[in-house]
Structures are given as C-alpha cells and as structure tokens.
C-alpha cells in the first residue's frame, strides 16, 4: 500500500485494536490567564499518555521515541478544573516511526484532537531504530495496514531578520535537548499577540533537536491567515510551528 503523509489526518477511533485512556484534571499550571488549557500543556499530555501507553504495554525502552511532527486541532478549549479523558491509539506506521492519534475530551465540553509522528530511537546511540514484533503485536491491529511518511511539510523561512531566543536549563528534557512542549509555549506567545481565544489548528515540526547553549533565532511570518515561526540554529531551521484560527 502507498504511504500517505503522516500527522495530517485526524482519523476516528478504530473499531478494533489497542487503545489506552487516562484521566487528568486541568490544573492551574496548565492554563492561560483566561483559564484555557494551553497548547504547551496539551503537548505534555500527549507525550505523557504516549509514554504511559507504551509502559502499560510492557514495551522495552518506552521513553525512547522522538517526536517528528504534531498537529493539534482545538474544537473547543478545555478549561481550568475540567476533568479530561485522554485516549490514544496507533493510526499508522513506517519503517522506524509510527503515527499516534490522541483525543482529549472534557466533562465541561472541551474537545481537542491531535496526531503525531514519533520516531523510535536507540536508547544508547540515539539513532533511528526499526519497529519490531513488540510494536506490531501491541499496536498493529489498531494501525491496520496504513503506512505513513515522516516527511516534514512546512515551508522554508523567509529571508528576514529574526529575534534571538535563549535556551533555558528548564527547557531541556532527559534526551538532552529542548523538550517539544517548549516550542508550543512559544506558539502560545504568538497566539496571545494575535488575540486568539484558543480555537486553533496548530502544528510543530522538528528537523533537529536544539541542544543546550545553542544560539537560536526566531523568524516570524503570517500569510493567508496562517501564523508561522521558525527556530533557526546556524541559519538553518531546527524546528517550526504554525497556527490558523478556527471559527468557534
């Protein structure tokens, strides 16, 4: 079967196969000044539930997956004190990566859908690692025969002057580079500047990790109602993010 671009489609829950659910209460530290669940908090939910799913399934090296691309669609933002159910499942795979769908549903009406491409890596070398029988025995039925690409699809940044961005020690994760949730926090700053209320479709992509003490430059652009930001290291994009405002 021909592979399709990964982390683009928001597929429905499959009729069979593994799914993993957990609950969480939206806390003060997860929210904007207006009480909305922020996108960087959503990103933390996504990576936590992915790790919890793999750990619950007894998969070795459950933490050694690196996010490549994520799309988040906010139909209705969740809010402070809302209890949300987070359900995740595998919706496709490649040779060394897999697509993971996640739905966040709140008891006060919050509804957020997400899809990500995660690349499996060796815990010692950091090199991409082929999916094995443990993966297919666990998530193969839910994924079916749907094969996906891990290609990056964001455009190149414009040739314009950017703004320096400082990497903080608290931005780093156990892999030793900037955690993916931090990029979403920058996108939240862009959303605040445009006065969005959180009804957005947003994306992040990662071509490389940003290491400690990197000199990072942010470049911004807005075209056709899509706001974009690129994270440049040595004048090359290490990551990019975007959002488009949805009608509530």
C-alpha atoms as a PDB file:
ATOM      1  CA  UNK A   1       0.000   0.000   0.000  1.00  0.00           C
ATOM      2  CA  UNK A   2       1.219   3.510  -0.855  1.00  0.00           C
ATOM      3  CA  UNK A   3       2.283   5.511   2.194  1.00  0.00           C
ATOM      4  CA  UNK A   4       0.492   8.779   2.956  1.00  0.00           C
ATOM      5  CA  UNK A   5       1.812  11.898   4.676  1.00  0.00           C
ATOM      6  CA  UNK A   6       1.803  11.342   8.415  1.00  0.00           C
ATOM      7  CA  UNK A   7       0.358  13.593  11.140  1.00  0.00           C
ATOM      8  CA  UNK A   8      -2.067  15.329   8.790  1.00  0.00           C
ATOM      9  CA  UNK A   9      -5.347  13.399   9.022  1.00  0.00           C
ATOM     10  CA  UNK A  10      -7.347  13.182  12.249  1.00  0.00           C
ATOM     11  CA  UNK A  11      -8.688   9.659  11.850  1.00  0.00           C
ATOM     12  CA  UNK A  12     -11.532   8.302  14.017  1.00  0.00           C
ATOM     13  CA  UNK A  13     -11.026   5.678  16.705  1.00  0.00           C
ATOM     14  CA  UNK A  14     -10.542   2.264  15.050  1.00  0.00           C
ATOM     15  CA  UNK A  15     -13.176  -0.422  15.504  1.00  0.00           C
ATOM     16  CA  UNK A  16     -10.631  -2.823  16.976  1.00  0.00           C
ATOM     17  CA  UNK A  17      -7.130  -2.877  18.372  1.00  0.00           C
ATOM     18  CA  UNK A  18      -5.384  -1.373  21.354  1.00  0.00           C
ATOM     19  CA  UNK A  19      -6.410   1.973  22.776  1.00  0.00           C
ATOM     20  CA  UNK A  20      -5.195   3.493  26.019  1.00  0.00           C
ATOM     21  CA  UNK A  21      -7.088   6.015  28.151  1.00  0.00           C
ATOM     22  CA  UNK A  22      -6.295   8.023  31.238  1.00  0.00           C
ATOM     23  CA  UNK A  23      -7.866  10.946  33.070  1.00  0.00           C
ATOM     24  CA  UNK A  24      -6.421  14.227  34.205  1.00  0.00           C
ATOM     25  CA  UNK A  25      -7.724  17.352  35.880  1.00  0.00           C
ATOM     26  CA  UNK A  26      -6.755  20.616  34.194  1.00  0.00           C
ATOM     27  CA  UNK A  27      -4.623  22.386  36.781  1.00  0.00           C
ATOM     28  CA  UNK A  28      -3.602  25.990  37.358  1.00  0.00           C
ATOM     29  CA  UNK A  29      -0.153  25.479  35.832  1.00  0.00           C
ATOM     30  CA  UNK A  30      -1.736  24.139  32.615  1.00  0.00           C
ATOM     31  CA  UNK A  31      -3.809  27.237  31.903  1.00  0.00           C
ATOM     32  CA  UNK A  32      -3.611  30.648  30.299  1.00  0.00           C
ATOM     33  CA  UNK A  33      -4.523  33.810  32.204  1.00  0.00           C
ATOM     34  CA  UNK A  34      -8.084  33.285  30.973  1.00  0.00           C
ATOM     35  CA  UNK A  35      -8.257  29.713  32.271  1.00  0.00           C
ATOM     36  CA  UNK A  36      -7.810  27.952  28.910  1.00  0.00           C
ATOM     37  CA  UNK A  37      -5.744  24.761  28.624  1.00  0.00           C
ATOM     38  CA  UNK A  38      -2.616  25.958  26.799  1.00  0.00           C
ATOM     39  CA  UNK A  39      -1.089  24.165  23.820  1.00  0.00           C
ATOM     40  CA  UNK A  40       2.202  23.519  25.633  1.00  0.00           C
ATOM     41  CA  UNK A  41       0.213  21.740  28.360  1.00  0.00           C
ATOM     42  CA  UNK A  42      -1.603  19.739  25.672  1.00  0.00           C
ATOM     43  CA  UNK A  43       1.807  18.735  24.272  1.00  0.00           C
ATOM     44  CA  UNK A  44       2.847  17.489  27.723  1.00  0.00           C
ATOM     45  CA  UNK A  45      -0.383  15.498  27.954  1.00  0.00           C
ATOM     46  CA  UNK A  46       0.372  13.940  24.551  1.00  0.00           C
ATOM     47  CA  UNK A  47       3.902  12.861  25.422  1.00  0.00           C
ATOM     48  CA  UNK A  48       2.882  11.605  28.873  1.00  0.00           C
ATOM     49  CA  UNK A  49      -0.006   9.478  27.605  1.00  0.00           C
ATOM     50  CA  UNK A  50       2.200   8.082  24.810  1.00  0.00           C
ATOM     51  CA  UNK A  51       4.800   7.025  27.366  1.00  0.00           C
ATOM     52  CA  UNK A  52       2.128   5.670  29.730  1.00  0.00           C
ATOM     53  CA  UNK A  53       0.631   3.613  26.898  1.00  0.00           C
ATOM     54  CA  UNK A  54       3.981   2.048  25.988  1.00  0.00           C
ATOM     55  CA  UNK A  55       4.871   1.432  29.646  1.00  0.00           C
ATOM     56  CA  UNK A  56       1.468  -0.136  30.328  1.00  0.00           C
ATOM     57  CA  UNK A  57       2.002  -2.453  27.347  1.00  0.00           C
ATOM     58  CA  UNK A  58       5.380  -3.535  28.732  1.00  0.00           C
ATOM     59  CA  UNK A  59       7.339  -2.216  25.742  1.00  0.00           C
ATOM     60  CA  UNK A  60      11.116  -2.006  26.424  1.00  0.00           C
ATOM     61  CA  UNK A  61      12.645   1.470  26.106  1.00  0.00           C
ATOM     62  CA  UNK A  62       9.205   3.065  26.234  1.00  0.00           C
ATOM     63  CA  UNK A  63      10.689   6.555  26.579  1.00  0.00           C
ATOM     64  CA  UNK A  64      12.934   6.440  23.522  1.00  0.00           C
ATOM     65  CA  UNK A  65      10.673   7.968  20.911  1.00  0.00           C
ATOM     66  CA  UNK A  66      11.361  11.406  19.404  1.00  0.00           C
ATOM     67  CA  UNK A  67       8.505  13.500  18.045  1.00  0.00           C
ATOM     68  CA  UNK A  68       8.889  14.493  14.398  1.00  0.00           C
ATOM     69  CA  UNK A  69       5.634  16.297  13.634  1.00  0.00           C
ATOM     70  CA  UNK A  70       2.425  17.098  15.553  1.00  0.00           C
ATOM     71  CA  UNK A  71      -0.918  18.579  14.584  1.00  0.00           C
ATOM     72  CA  UNK A  72      -3.426  19.788  17.198  1.00  0.00           C
ATOM     73  CA  UNK A  73      -6.995  20.802  16.360  1.00  0.00           C
ATOM     74  CA  UNK A  74      -8.938  22.584  19.092  1.00  0.00           C
ATOM     75  CA  UNK A  75     -12.678  22.279  18.524  1.00  0.00           C
ATOM     76  CA  UNK A  76     -13.366  23.662  21.989  1.00  0.00           C
ATOM     77  CA  UNK A  77     -10.630  24.527  24.514  1.00  0.00           C
ATOM     78  CA  UNK A  78     -10.640  22.694  27.834  1.00  0.00           C
ATOM     79  CA  UNK A  79     -10.662  24.929  30.899  1.00  0.00           C
ATOM     80  CA  UNK A  80      -9.335  25.068  34.429  1.00  0.00           C
ATOM     81  CA  UNK A  81     -10.672  22.389  36.813  1.00  0.00           C
ATOM     82  CA  UNK A  82     -12.190  20.464  33.896  1.00  0.00           C
ATOM     83  CA  UNK A  83     -11.612  16.717  34.083  1.00  0.00           C
ATOM     84  CA  UNK A  84     -10.449  15.372  30.745  1.00  0.00           C
ATOM     85  CA  UNK A  85     -10.242  11.860  29.352  1.00  0.00           C
ATOM     86  CA  UNK A  86      -7.218  11.324  27.110  1.00  0.00           C
ATOM     87  CA  UNK A  87      -7.467   8.417  24.671  1.00  0.00           C
ATOM     88  CA  UNK A  88      -4.634   7.409  22.361  1.00  0.00           C
ATOM     89  CA  UNK A  89      -4.072   4.755  19.710  1.00  0.00           C
ATOM     90  CA  UNK A  90      -1.762   3.956  16.805  1.00  0.00           C
ATOM     91  CA  UNK A  91      -3.083   5.064  13.404  1.00  0.00           C
ATOM     92  CA  UNK A  92      -0.196   4.149  11.122  1.00  0.00           C
ATOM     93  CA  UNK A  93       3.474   3.252  10.877  1.00  0.00           C
ATOM     94  CA  UNK A  94       6.635   3.375   8.781  1.00  0.00           C
ATOM     95  CA  UNK A  95       9.927   1.534   8.994  1.00  0.00           C
ATOM     96  CA  UNK A  96      11.240   3.395  12.056  1.00  0.00           C
ATOM     97  CA  UNK A  97       8.331   5.591  13.086  1.00  0.00           C
ATOM     98  CA  UNK A  98       4.659   5.425  13.980  1.00  0.00           C
ATOM     99  CA  UNK A  99       1.679   7.752  13.889  1.00  0.00           C
ATOM    100  CA  UNK A 100      -0.206   8.251  17.155  1.00  0.00           C
ATOM    101  CA  UNK A 101      -3.709   9.717  17.376  1.00  0.00           C
ATOM    102  CA  UNK A 102      -4.957  11.245  20.611  1.00  0.00           C
ATOM    103  CA  UNK A 103      -8.328  12.696  21.626  1.00  0.00           C
ATOM    104  CA  UNK A 104      -8.877  14.849  24.710  1.00  0.00           C
ATOM    105  CA  UNK A 105     -12.498  15.118  25.856  1.00  0.00           C
ATOM    106  CA  UNK A 106     -13.538  17.189  28.852  1.00  0.00           C
ATOM    107  CA  UNK A 107     -16.544  16.823  31.132  1.00  0.00           C
ATOM    108  CA  UNK A 108     -17.346  20.512  30.506  1.00  0.00           C
ATOM    109  CA  UNK A 109     -17.234  20.237  26.708  1.00  0.00           C
ATOM    110  CA  UNK A 110     -13.541  20.574  25.906  1.00  0.00           C
ATOM    111  CA  UNK A 111     -12.595  18.720  22.715  1.00  0.00           C
ATOM    112  CA  UNK A 112      -9.060  18.569  21.315  1.00  0.00           C
ATOM    113  CA  UNK A 113      -7.725  16.196  18.664  1.00  0.00           C
ATOM    114  CA  UNK A 114      -4.067  15.561  17.932  1.00  0.00           C
ATOM    115  CA  UNK A 115      -1.911  13.397  15.717  1.00  0.00           C
ATOM    116  CA  UNK A 116       1.865  12.958  15.860  1.00  0.00           C
ATOM    117  CA  UNK A 117       4.689  11.142  14.139  1.00  0.00           C
ATOM    118  CA  UNK A 118       7.114   9.625  16.657  1.00  0.00           C
ATOM    119  CA  UNK A 119      10.456   8.169  15.553  1.00  0.00           C
ATOM    120  CA  UNK A 120      11.755   5.228  17.557  1.00  0.00           C
ATOM    121  CA  UNK A 121      15.411   5.668  18.560  1.00  0.00           C
ATOM    122  CA  UNK A 122      18.105   3.572  20.183  1.00  0.00           C
ATOM    123  CA  UNK A 123      18.437   4.482  23.855  1.00  0.00           C
ATOM    124  CA  UNK A 124      22.250   4.441  23.696  1.00  0.00           C
ATOM    125  CA  UNK A 125      23.160   5.805  20.254  1.00  0.00           C
ATOM    126  CA  UNK A 126      20.087   7.923  19.551  1.00  0.00           C
ATOM    127  CA  UNK A 127      19.923   6.502  16.018  1.00  0.00           C
ATOM    128  CA  UNK A 128      16.512   5.619  14.491  1.00  0.00           C
ATOM    129  CA  UNK A 129      15.545   2.043  15.269  1.00  0.00           C
ATOM    130  CA  UNK A 130      13.320  -0.272  13.230  1.00  0.00           C
ATOM    131  CA  UNK A 131       9.921  -1.225  14.568  1.00  0.00           C
ATOM    132  CA  UNK A 132       9.898  -4.820  15.800  1.00  0.00           C
ATOM    133  CA  UNK A 133       7.435  -7.570  16.682  1.00  0.00           C
ATOM    134  CA  UNK A 134       6.749  -5.990  20.085  1.00  0.00           C
ATOM    135  CA  UNK A 135       5.411  -2.925  18.314  1.00  0.00           C
ATOM    136  CA  UNK A 136       3.233  -4.831  15.861  1.00  0.00           C
ATOM    137  CA  UNK A 137       1.959  -7.270  18.488  1.00  0.00           C
ATOM    138  CA  UNK A 138       0.827  -4.294  20.564  1.00  0.00           C
ATOM    139  CA  UNK A 139      -0.399  -1.673  18.073  1.00  0.00           C
ATOM    140  CA  UNK A 140      -0.533  -3.485  14.739  1.00  0.00           C
ATOM    141  CA  UNK A 141      -4.259  -4.267  14.819  1.00  0.00           C
ATOM    142  CA  UNK A 142      -5.255  -0.653  15.500  1.00  0.00           C
ATOM    143  CA  UNK A 143      -2.898   0.655  12.802  1.00  0.00           C
ATOM    144  CA  UNK A 144      -4.064  -1.897  10.238  1.00  0.00           C
ATOM    145  CA  UNK A 145      -2.074  -1.684   7.034  1.00  0.00           C
ATOM    146  CA  UNK A 146      -1.942   2.108   6.973  1.00  0.00           C
ATOM    147  CA  UNK A 147       1.602   3.211   6.186  1.00  0.00           C
ATOM    148  CA  UNK A 148       2.660   6.814   6.740  1.00  0.00           C
ATOM    149  CA  UNK A 149       5.563   9.050   5.777  1.00  0.00           C
ATOM    150  CA  UNK A 150       7.585  11.055   8.302  1.00  0.00           C
ATOM    151  CA  UNK A 151       8.272  13.856   5.844  1.00  0.00           C
ATOM    152  CA  UNK A 152       8.352  17.485   7.028  1.00  0.00           C
ATOM    153  CA  UNK A 153       5.990  19.732   5.067  1.00  0.00           C
ATOM    154  CA  UNK A 154       6.368  23.258   6.486  1.00  0.00           C
ATOM    155  CA  UNK A 155       7.803  25.847   4.069  1.00  0.00           C
ATOM    156  CA  UNK A 156      11.282  27.302   4.427  1.00  0.00           C
ATOM    157  CA  UNK A 157      11.601  30.507   6.456  1.00  0.00           C
ATOM    158  CA  UNK A 158      11.674  33.878   4.723  1.00  0.00           C
ATOM    159  CA  UNK A 159      14.969  35.699   4.340  1.00  0.00           C
ATOM    160  CA  UNK A 160      14.427  38.254   7.058  1.00  0.00           C
ATOM    161  CA  UNK A 161      15.925  39.377  10.347  1.00  0.00           C
ATOM    162  CA  UNK A 162      14.890  37.341  13.353  1.00  0.00           C
ATOM    163  CA  UNK A 163      14.977  37.636  17.118  1.00  0.00           C
ATOM    164  CA  UNK A 164      17.364  35.864  19.490  1.00  0.00           C
ATOM    165  CA  UNK A 165      15.761  33.174  21.664  1.00  0.00           C
ATOM    166  CA  UNK A 166      17.523  31.892  24.792  1.00  0.00           C
ATOM    167  CA  UNK A 167      17.514  28.187  25.678  1.00  0.00           C
ATOM    168  CA  UNK A 168      16.935  27.786  29.419  1.00  0.00           C
ATOM    169  CA  UNK A 169      18.097  24.843  31.511  1.00  0.00           C
ATOM    170  CA  UNK A 170      14.462  24.112  32.404  1.00  0.00           C
ATOM    171  CA  UNK A 171      13.638  23.761  28.676  1.00  0.00           C
ATOM    172  CA  UNK A 172      15.736  20.576  28.387  1.00  0.00           C
ATOM    173  CA  UNK A 173      14.457  17.023  28.787  1.00  0.00           C
ATOM    174  CA  UNK A 174      16.065  13.661  29.538  1.00  0.00           C
ATOM    175  CA  UNK A 175      17.219  13.272  25.934  1.00  0.00           C
ATOM    176  CA  UNK A 176      19.351  16.391  26.372  1.00  0.00           C
ATOM    177  CA  UNK A 177      17.604  18.784  24.006  1.00  0.00           C
ATOM    178  CA  UNK A 178      14.728  21.267  24.179  1.00  0.00           C
ATOM    179  CA  UNK A 179      11.500  19.438  25.027  1.00  0.00           C
ATOM    180  CA  UNK A 180       8.811  19.621  22.353  1.00  0.00           C
ATOM    181  CA  UNK A 181       6.323  21.311  24.715  1.00  0.00           C
ATOM    182  CA  UNK A 182       8.568  24.393  24.857  1.00  0.00           C
ATOM    183  CA  UNK A 183       8.019  25.119  21.163  1.00  0.00           C
ATOM    184  CA  UNK A 184       4.288  25.134  21.812  1.00  0.00           C
ATOM    185  CA  UNK A 185       4.853  27.689  24.581  1.00  0.00           C
ATOM    186  CA  UNK A 186       6.447  29.987  22.002  1.00  0.00           C
ATOM    187  CA  UNK A 187       3.418  29.436  19.767  1.00  0.00           C
ATOM    188  CA  UNK A 188       1.215  30.484  22.690  1.00  0.00           C
ATOM    189  CA  UNK A 189       3.100  33.805  22.723  1.00  0.00           C
ATOM    190  CA  UNK A 190       2.301  34.240  19.030  1.00  0.00           C
ATOM    191  CA  UNK A 191      -1.356  33.420  19.696  1.00  0.00           C
ATOM    192  CA  UNK A 192      -1.507  35.986  22.513  1.00  0.00           C
ATOM    193  CA  UNK A 193      -0.120  38.660  20.181  1.00  0.00           C
ATOM    194  CA  UNK A 194      -2.929  37.933  17.689  1.00  0.00           C
ATOM    195  CA  UNK A 195      -5.544  37.841  20.497  1.00  0.00           C
ATOM    196  CA  UNK A 196      -6.802  34.369  19.617  1.00  0.00           C
ATOM    197  CA  UNK A 197      -9.103  32.654  22.118  1.00  0.00           C
ATOM    198  CA  UNK A 198      -7.568  29.243  21.554  1.00  0.00           C
ATOM    199  CA  UNK A 199      -9.781  27.899  18.760  1.00  0.00           C
ATOM    200  CA  UNK A 200      -6.871  26.941  16.516  1.00  0.00           C
ATOM    201  CA  UNK A 201      -5.360  24.281  14.312  1.00  0.00           C
ATOM    202  CA  UNK A 202      -1.657  24.260  15.127  1.00  0.00           C
ATOM    203  CA  UNK A 203       1.413  22.284  14.076  1.00  0.00           C
ATOM    204  CA  UNK A 204       5.024  21.766  15.054  1.00  0.00           C
ATOM    205  CA  UNK A 205       7.791  20.064  13.090  1.00  0.00           C
ATOM    206  CA  UNK A 206      11.299  19.092  14.130  1.00  0.00           C
ATOM    207  CA  UNK A 207      14.214  18.537  11.774  1.00  0.00           C
ATOM    208  CA  UNK A 208      16.776  18.503  14.582  1.00  0.00           C
ATOM    209  CA  UNK A 209      16.928  18.866  18.345  1.00  0.00           C
ATOM    210  CA  UNK A 210      18.107  22.115  19.923  1.00  0.00           C
ATOM    211  CA  UNK A 211      20.961  21.445  22.342  1.00  0.00           C
ATOM    212  CA  UNK A 212      21.990  23.417  25.429  1.00  0.00           C
ATOM    213  CA  UNK A 213      23.780  26.718  24.766  1.00  0.00           C
ATOM    214  CA  UNK A 214      22.614  26.794  21.158  1.00  0.00           C
ATOM    215  CA  UNK A 215      22.283  30.233  19.608  1.00  0.00           C
ATOM    216  CA  UNK A 216      18.693  30.246  18.368  1.00  0.00           C
ATOM    217  CA  UNK A 217      16.992  32.870  16.206  1.00  0.00           C
ATOM    218  CA  UNK A 218      13.213  33.100  15.807  1.00  0.00           C
ATOM    219  CA  UNK A 219      11.814  34.167  12.438  1.00  0.00           C
ATOM    220  CA  UNK A 220       8.112  35.005  12.111  1.00  0.00           C
ATOM    221  CA  UNK A 221       5.719  35.361   9.194  1.00  0.00           C
ATOM    222  CA  UNK A 222       1.965  35.489   8.559  1.00  0.00           C
ATOM    223  CA  UNK A 223       0.363  34.573   5.244  1.00  0.00           C
ATOM    224  CA  UNK A 224      -3.199  33.559   4.311  1.00  0.00           C
ATOM    225  CA  UNK A 225      -4.266  33.663   7.979  1.00  0.00           C
ATOM    226  CA  UNK A 226      -1.540  31.189   8.986  1.00  0.00           C
ATOM    227  CA  UNK A 227       0.933  32.459  11.563  1.00  0.00           C
ATOM    228  CA  UNK A 228       4.363  30.799  11.446  1.00  0.00           C
ATOM    229  CA  UNK A 229       7.557  30.798  13.492  1.00  0.00           C
ATOM    230  CA  UNK A 230      10.860  29.089  12.712  1.00  0.00           C
ATOM    231  CA  UNK A 231      13.622  28.197  15.184  1.00  0.00           C
ATOM    232  CA  UNK A 232      16.951  28.684  13.396  1.00  0.00           C
ATOM    233  CA  UNK A 233      20.283  27.300  14.544  1.00  0.00           C
ATOM    234  CA  UNK A 234      23.294  28.237  12.398  1.00  0.00           C
ATOM    235  CA  UNK A 235      20.795  29.839   9.979  1.00  0.00           C
ATOM    236  CA  UNK A 236      19.026  26.505   9.405  1.00  0.00           C
ATOM    237  CA  UNK A 237      15.542  25.601  10.734  1.00  0.00           C
ATOM    238  CA  UNK A 238      15.771  23.119  13.601  1.00  0.00           C
ATOM    239  CA  UNK A 239      12.016  23.367  14.151  1.00  0.00           C
ATOM    240  CA  UNK A 240       8.965  25.290  13.011  1.00  0.00           C
ATOM    241  CA  UNK A 241       5.466  25.915  14.299  1.00  0.00           C
ATOM    242  CA  UNK A 242       2.244  27.400  12.945  1.00  0.00           C
ATOM    243  CA  UNK A 243      -1.351  28.096  13.817  1.00  0.00           C
ATOM    244  CA  UNK A 244      -4.535  29.041  11.998  1.00  0.00           C
ATOM    245  CA  UNK A 245      -7.555  30.428  13.849  1.00  0.00           C
ATOM    246  CA  UNK A 246     -10.710  28.307  13.632  1.00  0.00           C
ATOM    247  CA  UNK A 247     -14.261  29.589  13.874  1.00  0.00           C
ATOM    248  CA  UNK A 248     -15.615  28.724  17.364  1.00  0.00           C
END
